[in-house]
Amino acid sequence: MPNNKIRNIKKEILSDNWYTLNKFTFEYQKDDGTWEKQSREAYDRGNGAAILLYNSKKGTVVLTKQFRMPTYVNGNDDGMMIEVCAGLLDGDAPEDCIKKEIEEETGYKIENVQRVFETYMSPGSVTEILYLFVGAYEDQMKVGEGGGAEHETENIEVMEITFQEALQKVKTGEICDAKTVILLQYAQIKGLL
């Protein structure tokens, strides 16, 4: 249902280099009935999917570690981030995307994934919807080395660690990626491991 408290939306492209940065100018009706002009920038990088791979028999999870420039320039000393496997949809259904990303990034081939919810990770500035999944893995599902797609300049380290170690890394701040924290806490709440 459209929001009737917004009118006269104008969109201006500020950058269309890697993804698209738009400036939206619009009028917003305040609670007192008056209209005020506002402008906001919104970064559109498409929607994505992320998954926590877990093995309840071994008590382990598979995570990735890679350099993230935006964190490096904002306080992350080495720029390295420990994260769940994730990627942009690029026109694929979320389930198809995440299965492809799992194999590219971790080397596991997983057929059964469970969508747990979808979320806006930074709704004040980024349009992305992130579809979050969990999926059980076993050692025999490993079909490759992982590490990411070469054409995407990814240099991903694959980490298999215990679930308890992952939770400890959240506690110490070594894992500070929102999607990863959310999925680890989901697994803890649901008793997946």
Protein backbone atom coordinates (compact mmCIF):
# COMPACT_ATOMS: atom_id res chain seq x y z
CA MET A 1 0.00 0.00 0.00
CA PRO A 2 1.57 3.32 -1.06
CA ASN A 3 2.43 5.92 1.54
CA ASN A 4 0.15 8.95 1.00
CA LYS A 5 2.41 11.08 3.23
CA ILE A 6 5.02 11.30 0.46
CA ARG A 7 4.66 13.28 -2.77
CA ASN A 8 6.62 14.90 -5.58
CA ILE A 9 9.49 12.40 -5.59
CA LYS A 10 12.40 13.37 -7.83
CA LYS A 11 15.38 11.08 -8.45
CA GLU A 12 18.85 12.20 -9.51
CA ILE A 13 21.72 9.79 -10.22
CA LEU A 14 24.85 10.97 -8.39
CA SER A 15 27.08 8.01 -9.30
CA ASP A 16 26.68 4.93 -11.47
CA ASN A 17 30.16 3.49 -11.21
CA TRP A 18 30.22 0.25 -9.20
CA TYR A 19 26.57 0.40 -8.12
CA THR A 20 24.15 3.33 -8.18
CA LEU A 21 23.96 6.25 -5.79
CA ASN A 22 20.72 8.22 -6.14
CA LYS A 23 19.56 11.45 -4.54
CA PHE A 24 15.83 11.55 -3.80
CA THR A 25 14.11 14.87 -3.19
CA PHE A 26 10.52 14.68 -1.97
CA GLU A 27 7.86 16.22 0.23
CA TYR A 28 6.89 14.50 3.47
CA GLN A 29 3.71 15.25 5.39
CA LYS A 30 4.40 15.72 9.07
CA ASP A 31 1.98 14.69 11.83
CA ASP A 32 0.63 18.25 12.07
CA GLY A 33 -0.45 18.06 8.39
CA THR A 34 2.22 20.40 7.01
CA TRP A 35 4.51 19.34 4.19
CA GLU A 36 8.29 19.65 4.36
CA LYS A 37 10.83 19.17 1.59
CA GLN A 38 13.49 16.54 2.31
CA SER A 39 16.35 14.96 0.39
CA ARG A 40 18.09 11.65 1.00
CA GLU A 41 20.80 9.68 -0.77
CA ALA A 42 20.21 5.97 -1.33
CA TYR A 43 22.82 3.48 -2.49
CA ASP A 44 21.37 0.74 -4.72
CA ARG A 45 23.59 -2.31 -4.99
CA GLY A 46 20.81 -4.84 -5.55
CA ASN A 47 19.46 -7.42 -3.13
CA GLY A 48 21.52 -10.21 -1.60
CA ALA A 49 21.48 -13.50 0.27
CA ALA A 50 23.55 -14.90 3.14
CA ILE A 51 23.72 -18.29 4.84
CA LEU A 52 25.05 -19.87 8.00
CA LEU A 53 26.37 -23.34 7.18
CA TYR A 54 26.31 -25.59 10.24
CA ASN A 55 27.10 -29.19 11.13
CA SER A 56 25.20 -30.23 14.26
CA LYS A 57 27.09 -33.57 14.59
CA LYS A 58 30.50 -31.88 14.67
CA GLY A 59 29.27 -28.69 16.35
CA THR A 60 30.89 -26.55 13.65
CA VAL A 61 30.05 -23.70 11.31
CA VAL A 62 31.64 -22.61 8.04
CA LEU A 63 32.51 -18.93 7.81
CA THR A 64 34.58 -16.82 5.43
CA LYS A 65 37.28 -14.24 6.02
CA GLN A 66 38.15 -11.49 3.57
CA PHE A 67 39.36 -7.91 3.25
CA ARG A 68 36.60 -5.26 3.32
CA MET A 69 37.83 -1.79 2.33
CA PRO A 70 34.86 0.14 3.85
CA THR A 71 35.65 -1.34 7.28
CA TYR A 72 39.37 -0.63 6.84
CA VAL A 73 38.74 3.08 6.32
CA ASN A 74 36.38 3.15 9.32
CA GLY A 75 38.32 1.71 12.24
CA ASN A 76 38.98 -1.96 11.33
CA ASP A 77 42.78 -1.97 11.58
CA ASP A 78 43.48 -4.77 9.08
CA GLY A 79 40.20 -4.59 7.17
CA MET A 80 39.61 -8.34 7.55
CA MET A 81 36.07 -9.48 8.31
CA ILE A 82 34.77 -12.89 9.39
CA GLU A 83 31.38 -13.43 7.79
CA VAL A 84 28.82 -15.97 6.72
CA CYS A 85 28.81 -16.84 3.02
CA ALA A 86 26.91 -14.16 1.05
CA GLY A 87 26.41 -12.61 -2.35
CA LEU A 88 24.24 -10.43 -4.55
CA LEU A 89 21.24 -11.98 -6.27
CA ASP A 90 22.23 -10.72 -9.75
CA GLY A 91 18.74 -11.59 -11.05
CA ASP A 92 18.63 -15.05 -9.45
CA ALA A 93 16.06 -16.21 -6.91
CA PRO A 94 17.52 -15.95 -3.38
CA GLU A 95 17.70 -19.76 -2.98
CA ASP A 96 19.51 -20.21 -6.31
CA CYS A 97 21.88 -17.35 -5.55
CA ILE A 98 22.90 -18.65 -2.15
CA LYS A 99 23.53 -22.20 -3.43
CA LYS A 100 25.83 -20.77 -6.12
CA GLU A 101 27.61 -18.53 -3.59
CA ILE A 102 28.13 -21.44 -1.18
CA GLU A 103 29.97 -23.43 -3.81
CA GLU A 104 32.01 -20.45 -5.10
CA GLU A 105 33.00 -19.16 -1.67
CA THR A 106 33.26 -22.29 0.50
CA GLY A 107 33.55 -25.23 -1.91
CA TYR A 108 30.49 -27.01 -0.46
CA LYS A 109 27.57 -28.11 -2.63
CA ILE A 110 24.39 -27.73 -0.56
CA GLU A 111 20.97 -28.62 -1.94
CA ASN A 112 18.75 -27.92 1.08
CA VAL A 113 18.71 -24.38 2.41
CA GLN A 114 16.12 -22.87 4.73
CA ARG A 115 15.14 -19.21 4.44
CA VAL A 116 14.73 -17.82 7.95
CA PHE A 117 13.92 -14.16 7.24
CA GLU A 118 14.73 -11.09 5.20
CA THR A 119 16.05 -7.80 6.48
CA TYR A 120 17.19 -4.32 5.52
CA MET A 121 20.70 -4.05 6.94
CA SER A 122 21.16 -0.27 6.67
CA PRO A 123 17.74 1.24 5.84
CA GLY A 124 18.87 4.84 6.25
CA SER A 125 21.13 4.72 3.21
CA VAL A 126 21.12 1.35 1.39
CA THR A 127 18.17 -0.12 -0.54
CA GLU A 128 19.33 -3.75 -0.25
CA ILE A 129 17.08 -6.50 1.11
CA LEU A 130 19.17 -9.35 2.49
CA TYR A 131 17.61 -12.83 2.47
CA LEU A 132 19.03 -14.87 5.36
CA PHE A 133 19.33 -18.67 5.29
CA VAL A 134 20.66 -21.58 7.31
CA GLY A 135 21.83 -24.87 5.86
CA ALA A 136 23.27 -28.10 7.21
CA TYR A 137 26.51 -29.34 5.68
CA GLU A 138 28.54 -32.55 5.94
CA ASP A 139 32.16 -33.23 5.00
CA GLN A 140 31.24 -35.24 1.89
CA MET A 141 29.48 -32.17 0.44
CA LYS A 142 32.88 -30.50 -0.11
CA VAL A 143 33.39 -30.46 -3.89
CA GLY A 144 35.98 -27.69 -4.28
CA GLU A 145 38.36 -25.35 -2.54
CA GLY A 146 36.10 -22.30 -2.47
CA GLY A 147 37.80 -18.94 -2.10
CA GLY A 148 35.44 -16.95 -4.32
CA ALA A 149 34.99 -16.31 -8.00
CA GLU A 150 38.26 -15.23 -9.64
CA HIS A 151 36.52 -12.71 -11.93
CA GLU A 152 35.05 -10.99 -8.84
CA THR A 153 38.52 -10.33 -7.33
CA GLU A 154 37.56 -12.19 -4.18
CA ASN A 155 40.28 -13.61 -1.96
CA ILE A 156 38.27 -15.57 0.57
CA GLU A 157 39.64 -17.73 3.34
CA VAL A 158 37.27 -20.56 4.31
CA MET A 159 37.04 -21.20 8.06
CA GLU A 160 35.47 -24.20 9.75
CA ILE A 161 35.29 -23.45 13.47
CA THR A 162 33.25 -24.69 16.38
CA PHE A 163 29.95 -22.96 17.04
CA GLN A 164 31.15 -22.09 20.55
CA GLU A 165 34.29 -20.48 19.10
CA ALA A 166 32.14 -18.43 16.71
CA LEU A 167 29.95 -17.22 19.59
CA GLN A 168 33.08 -16.31 21.55
CA LYS A 169 34.36 -14.31 18.55
CA VAL A 170 31.07 -12.36 18.59
CA LYS A 171 31.57 -11.67 22.29
CA THR A 172 35.15 -10.42 21.77
CA GLY A 173 34.23 -8.36 18.70
CA GLU A 174 36.32 -10.43 16.30
CA ILE A 175 33.05 -11.19 14.49
CA CYS A 176 31.26 -7.87 14.08
CA ASP A 177 29.43 -8.31 10.77
CA ALA A 178 25.68 -7.83 11.34
CA LYS A 179 24.39 -10.65 9.10
CA THR A 180 26.83 -13.07 10.72
CA VAL A 181 25.93 -12.05 14.26
CA ILE A 182 22.20 -12.32 13.44
CA LEU A 183 22.54 -15.82 11.96
CA LEU A 184 24.76 -17.09 14.77
CA GLN A 185 22.27 -15.80 17.33
CA TYR A 186 19.41 -17.36 15.34
CA ALA A 187 21.22 -20.72 15.45
CA GLN A 188 21.74 -20.32 19.19
CA ILE A 189 18.09 -19.41 19.87
CA LYS A 190 16.79 -22.26 17.68
CA GLY A 191 19.27 -24.79 19.11
CA LEU A 192 20.61 -25.80 15.69
CA LEU A 193 23.93 -26.91 17.20
